[in-house]
Amino acid sequence: MTVHERAEALKKELAEMGITTDAELQQALERTRIDISMFVRKPEEAERKEETA
């Protein structure tokens, strides 16, 4: 499948989900975005744990 064919297939899938404009796509991405910061150790926390070990 060429890049163009893949782009057209993705465009069709998005249209089936009701997403037909860039603005609608951006809204959908914003609604599904999660904050992963609570799952990732901050660099300074990792360094402190290494120093105390």
PDB file of N, CA and C in Angstrom:
ATOM      1  N   MET A   1       0.847  -1.175   0.000  1.00  0.00           N
ATOM      2  CA  MET A   1       0.000   0.000   0.000  1.00  0.00           C
ATOM      3  C   MET A   1       0.898   1.245   0.000  1.00  0.00           C
ATOM      4  N   THR A   2       0.649   2.134  -0.916  1.00  0.00           N
ATOM      5  CA  THR A   2       1.467   3.337  -0.994  1.00  0.00           C
ATOM      6  C   THR A   2       1.084   4.309   0.123  1.00  0.00           C
ATOM      7  N   VAL A   3       1.914   5.301   0.339  1.00  0.00           N
ATOM      8  CA  VAL A   3       1.641   6.307   1.351  1.00  0.00           C
ATOM      9  C   VAL A   3       0.320   7.013   1.041  1.00  0.00           C
ATOM     10  N   HIS A   4       0.104   7.311  -0.223  1.00  0.00           N
ATOM     11  CA  HIS A   4      -1.132   7.985  -0.622  1.00  0.00           C
ATOM     12  C   HIS A   4      -2.350   7.103  -0.337  1.00  0.00           C
ATOM     13  N   GLU A   5      -2.245   5.823  -0.654  1.00  0.00           N
ATOM     14  CA  GLU A   5      -3.354   4.897  -0.393  1.00  0.00           C
ATOM     15  C   GLU A   5      -3.624   4.779   1.102  1.00  0.00           C
ATOM     16  N   ARG A   6      -2.559   4.740   1.889  1.00  0.00           N
ATOM     17  CA  ARG A   6      -2.719   4.655   3.349  1.00  0.00           C
ATOM     18  C   ARG A   6      -3.378   5.921   3.893  1.00  0.00           C
ATOM     19  N   ALA A   7      -2.960   7.074   3.380  1.00  0.00           N
ATOM     20  CA  ALA A   7      -3.557   8.344   3.807  1.00  0.00           C
ATOM     21  C   ALA A   7      -5.040   8.385   3.470  1.00  0.00           C
ATOM     22  N   GLU A   8      -5.399   7.919   2.283  1.00  0.00           N
ATOM     23  CA  GLU A   8      -6.807   7.899   1.889  1.00  0.00           C
ATOM     24  C   GLU A   8      -7.607   6.939   2.769  1.00  0.00           C
ATOM     25  N   ALA A   9      -7.020   5.798   3.121  1.00  0.00           N
ATOM     26  CA  ALA A   9      -7.698   4.834   3.989  1.00  0.00           C
ATOM     27  C   ALA A   9      -7.919   5.430   5.382  1.00  0.00           C
ATOM     28  N   LEU A  10      -6.899   6.115   5.899  1.00  0.00           N
ATOM     29  CA  LEU A  10      -7.044   6.752   7.214  1.00  0.00           C
ATOM     30  C   LEU A  10      -8.081   7.865   7.171  1.00  0.00           C
ATOM     31  N   LYS A  11      -8.080   8.623   6.095  1.00  0.00           N
ATOM     32  CA  LYS A  11      -9.068   9.694   5.927  1.00  0.00           C
ATOM     33  C   LYS A  11     -10.482   9.114   5.939  1.00  0.00           C
ATOM     34  N   LYS A  12     -10.672   7.973   5.273  1.00  0.00           N
ATOM     35  CA  LYS A  12     -11.977   7.314   5.232  1.00  0.00           C
ATOM     36  C   LYS A  12     -12.381   6.826   6.626  1.00  0.00           C
ATOM     37  N   GLU A  13     -11.429   6.237   7.359  1.00  0.00           N
ATOM     38  CA  GLU A  13     -11.706   5.771   8.716  1.00  0.00           C
ATOM     39  C   GLU A  13     -12.110   6.922   9.621  1.00  0.00           C
ATOM     40  N   LEU A  14     -11.407   8.038   9.512  1.00  0.00           N
ATOM     41  CA  LEU A  14     -11.742   9.211  10.316  1.00  0.00           C
ATOM     42  C   LEU A  14     -13.132   9.723   9.962  1.00  0.00           C
ATOM     43  N   ALA A  15     -13.468   9.757   8.686  1.00  0.00           N
ATOM     44  CA  ALA A  15     -14.787  10.216   8.257  1.00  0.00           C
ATOM     45  C   ALA A  15     -15.886   9.321   8.829  1.00  0.00           C
ATOM     46  N   GLU A  16     -15.609   8.021   8.897  1.00  0.00           N
ATOM     47  CA  GLU A  16     -16.581   7.082   9.475  1.00  0.00           C
ATOM     48  C   GLU A  16     -16.796   7.344  10.958  1.00  0.00           C
ATOM     49  N   MET A  17     -15.784   7.920  11.613  1.00  0.00           N
ATOM     50  CA  MET A  17     -15.899   8.281  13.030  1.00  0.00           C
ATOM     51  C   MET A  17     -16.469   9.681  13.217  1.00  0.00           C
ATOM     52  N   GLY A  18     -16.804  10.337  12.108  1.00  0.00           N
ATOM     53  CA  GLY A  18     -17.373  11.674  12.179  1.00  0.00           C
ATOM     54  C   GLY A  18     -16.350  12.787  12.209  1.00  0.00           C
ATOM     55  N   ILE A  19     -15.106  12.466  11.896  1.00  0.00           N
ATOM     56  CA  ILE A  19     -14.030  13.464  11.903  1.00  0.00           C
ATOM     57  C   ILE A  19     -13.701  13.795  10.450  1.00  0.00           C
ATOM     58  N   THR A  20     -14.048  15.035  10.047  1.00  0.00           N
ATOM     59  CA  THR A  20     -13.840  15.404   8.650  1.00  0.00           C
ATOM     60  C   THR A  20     -12.958  16.633   8.476  1.00  0.00           C
ATOM     61  N   THR A  21     -12.628  17.316   9.579  1.00  0.00           N
ATOM     62  CA  THR A  21     -11.774  18.504   9.466  1.00  0.00           C
ATOM     63  C   THR A  21     -10.599  18.383  10.430  1.00  0.00           C
ATOM     64  N   ASP A  22      -9.580  19.187  10.203  1.00  0.00           N
ATOM     65  CA  ASP A  22      -8.434  19.208  11.108  1.00  0.00           C
ATOM     66  C   ASP A  22      -8.860  19.622  12.513  1.00  0.00           C
ATOM     67  N   ALA A  23      -9.785  20.560  12.612  1.00  0.00           N
ATOM     68  CA  ALA A  23     -10.255  21.026  13.922  1.00  0.00           C
ATOM     69  C   ALA A  23     -10.942  19.893  14.686  1.00  0.00           C
ATOM     70  N   GLU A  24     -11.752  19.112  13.997  1.00  0.00           N
ATOM     71  CA  GLU A  24     -12.421  17.976  14.638  1.00  0.00           C
ATOM     72  C   GLU A  24     -11.403  16.935  15.090  1.00  0.00           C
ATOM     73  N   LEU A  25     -10.377  16.710  14.286  1.00  0.00           N
ATOM     74  CA  LEU A  25      -9.325  15.766  14.655  1.00  0.00           C
ATOM     75  C   LEU A  25      -8.584  16.261  15.888  1.00  0.00           C
ATOM     76  N   GLN A  26      -8.257  17.540  15.914  1.00  0.00           N
ATOM     77  CA  GLN A  26      -7.553  18.113  17.068  1.00  0.00           C
ATOM     78  C   GLN A  26      -8.396  17.993  18.331  1.00  0.00           C
ATOM     79  N   GLN A  27      -9.705  18.251  18.231  1.00  0.00           N
ATOM     80  CA  GLN A  27     -10.600  18.126  19.385  1.00  0.00           C
ATOM     81  C   GLN A  27     -10.627  16.689  19.886  1.00  0.00           C
ATOM     82  N   ALA A  28     -10.707  15.730  18.970  1.00  0.00           N
ATOM     83  CA  ALA A  28     -10.732  14.314  19.356  1.00  0.00           C
ATOM     84  C   ALA A  28      -9.431  13.932  20.052  1.00  0.00           C
ATOM     85  N   LEU A  29      -8.306  14.418  19.555  1.00  0.00           N
ATOM     86  CA  LEU A  29      -7.019  14.123  20.182  1.00  0.00           C
ATOM     87  C   LEU A  29      -6.938  14.737  21.580  1.00  0.00           C
ATOM     88  N   GLU A  30      -7.416  15.963  21.736  1.00  0.00           N
ATOM     89  CA  GLU A  30      -7.393  16.632  23.038  1.00  0.00           C
ATOM     90  C   GLU A  30      -8.271  15.893  24.045  1.00  0.00           C
ATOM     91  N   ARG A  31      -9.436  15.418  23.596  1.00  0.00           N
ATOM     92  CA  ARG A  31     -10.353  14.710  24.506  1.00  0.00           C
ATOM     93  C   ARG A  31      -9.761  13.393  24.990  1.00  0.00           C
ATOM     94  N   THR A  32      -8.931  12.759  24.161  1.00  0.00           N
ATOM     95  CA  THR A  32      -8.400  11.447  24.531  1.00  0.00           C
ATOM     96  C   THR A  32      -6.994  11.509  25.109  1.00  0.00           C
ATOM     97  N   ARG A  33      -6.406  12.704  25.175  1.00  0.00           N
ATOM     98  CA  ARG A  33      -5.051  12.857  25.709  1.00  0.00           C
ATOM     99  C   ARG A  33      -5.070  12.640  27.219  1.00  0.00           C
ATOM    100  N   ILE A  34      -4.087  11.927  27.719  1.00  0.00           N
ATOM    101  CA  ILE A  34      -3.963  11.736  29.159  1.00  0.00           C
ATOM    102  C   ILE A  34      -2.628  12.304  29.631  1.00  0.00           C
ATOM    103  N   ASP A  35      -2.595  12.661  30.880  1.00  0.00           N
ATOM    104  CA  ASP A  35      -1.371  13.178  31.481  1.00  0.00           C
ATOM    105  C   ASP A  35      -0.601  11.985  32.051  1.00  0.00           C
ATOM    106  N   ILE A  36       0.560  11.687  31.479  1.00  0.00           N
ATOM    107  CA  ILE A  36       1.315  10.520  31.924  1.00  0.00           C
ATOM    108  C   ILE A  36       2.324  10.863  33.020  1.00  0.00           C
ATOM    109  N   SER A  37       2.370  12.115  33.440  1.00  0.00           N
ATOM    110  CA  SER A  37       3.387  12.522  34.401  1.00  0.00           C
ATOM    111  C   SER A  37       3.305  11.740  35.708  1.00  0.00           C
ATOM    112  N   MET A  38       2.110  11.309  36.092  1.00  0.00           N
ATOM    113  CA  MET A  38       1.998  10.557  37.344  1.00  0.00           C
ATOM    114  C   MET A  38       2.569   9.148  37.223  1.00  0.00           C
ATOM    115  N   PHE A  39       2.821   8.691  35.997  1.00  0.00           N
ATOM    116  CA  PHE A  39       3.346   7.349  35.782  1.00  0.00           C
ATOM    117  C   PHE A  39       4.854   7.330  35.537  1.00  0.00           C
ATOM    118  N   VAL A  40       5.464   8.496  35.428  1.00  0.00           N
ATOM    119  CA  VAL A  40       6.874   8.596  35.079  1.00  0.00           C
ATOM    120  C   VAL A  40       7.629   9.279  36.216  1.00  0.00           C
ATOM    121  N   ARG A  41       8.744   8.692  36.608  1.00  0.00           N
ATOM    122  CA  ARG A  41       9.558   9.309  37.657  1.00  0.00           C
ATOM    123  C   ARG A  41      10.266  10.532  37.122  1.00  0.00           C
ATOM    124  N   LYS A  42      10.283  11.563  37.912  1.00  0.00           N
ATOM    125  CA  LYS A  42      11.012  12.766  37.531  1.00  0.00           C
ATOM    126  C   LYS A  42      12.501  12.481  37.673  1.00  0.00           C
ATOM    127  N   PRO A  43      13.343  13.059  36.815  1.00  0.00           N
ATOM    128  CA  PRO A  43      14.784  12.773  36.863  1.00  0.00           C
ATOM    129  C   PRO A  43      15.392  13.014  38.239  1.00  0.00           C
ATOM    130  N   GLU A  44      14.999  14.083  38.923  1.00  0.00           N
ATOM    131  CA  GLU A  44      15.593  14.352  40.235  1.00  0.00           C
ATOM    132  C   GLU A  44      15.188  13.299  41.270  1.00  0.00           C
ATOM    133  N   GLU A  45      13.995  12.724  41.148  1.00  0.00           N
ATOM    134  CA  GLU A  45      13.568  11.660  42.064  1.00  0.00           C
ATOM    135  C   GLU A  45      14.396  10.402  41.831  1.00  0.00           C
ATOM    136  N   ALA A  46      14.660  10.077  40.596  1.00  0.00           N
ATOM    137  CA  ALA A  46      15.450   8.886  40.266  1.00  0.00           C
ATOM    138  C   ALA A  46      16.883   9.042  40.772  1.00  0.00           C
ATOM    139  N   GLU A  47      17.449  10.238  40.644  1.00  0.00           N
ATOM    140  CA  GLU A  47      18.803  10.474  41.133  1.00  0.00           C
ATOM    141  C   GLU A  47      18.880  10.358  42.635  1.00  0.00           C
ATOM    142  N   ARG A  48      17.867  10.883  43.349  1.00  0.00           N
ATOM    143  CA  ARG A  48      17.861  10.791  44.819  1.00  0.00           C
ATOM    144  C   ARG A  48      17.785   9.353  45.275  1.00  0.00           C
ATOM    145  N   LYS A  49      16.973   8.535  44.602  1.00  0.00           N
ATOM    146  CA  LYS A  49      16.841   7.136  44.988  1.00  0.00           C
ATOM    147  C   LYS A  49      18.146   6.387  44.753  1.00  0.00           C
ATOM    148  N   GLU A  50      18.867   6.739  43.688  1.00  0.00           N
ATOM    149  CA  GLU A  50      20.162   6.094  43.413  1.00  0.00           C
ATOM    150  C   GLU A  50      21.190   6.477  44.462  1.00  0.00           C
ATOM    151  N   GLU A  51      21.157   7.736  44.927  1.00  0.00           N
ATOM    152  CA  GLU A  51      22.117   8.187  45.922  1.00  0.00           C
ATOM    153  C   GLU A  51      21.905   7.510  47.275  1.00  0.00           C
ATOM    154  N   THR A  52      20.641   7.240  47.626  1.00  0.00           N
ATOM    155  CA  THR A  52      20.354   6.629  48.914  1.00  0.00           C
ATOM    156  C   THR A  52      20.526   5.125  48.896  1.00  0.00           C
ATOM    157  N   ALA A  53      20.632   4.530  47.740  1.00  0.00           N
ATOM    158  CA  ALA A  53      20.765   3.068  47.625  1.00  0.00           C
ATOM    159  C   ALA A  53      22.177   2.613  47.901  1.00  0.00           C
TER     160      ALA A  53
END
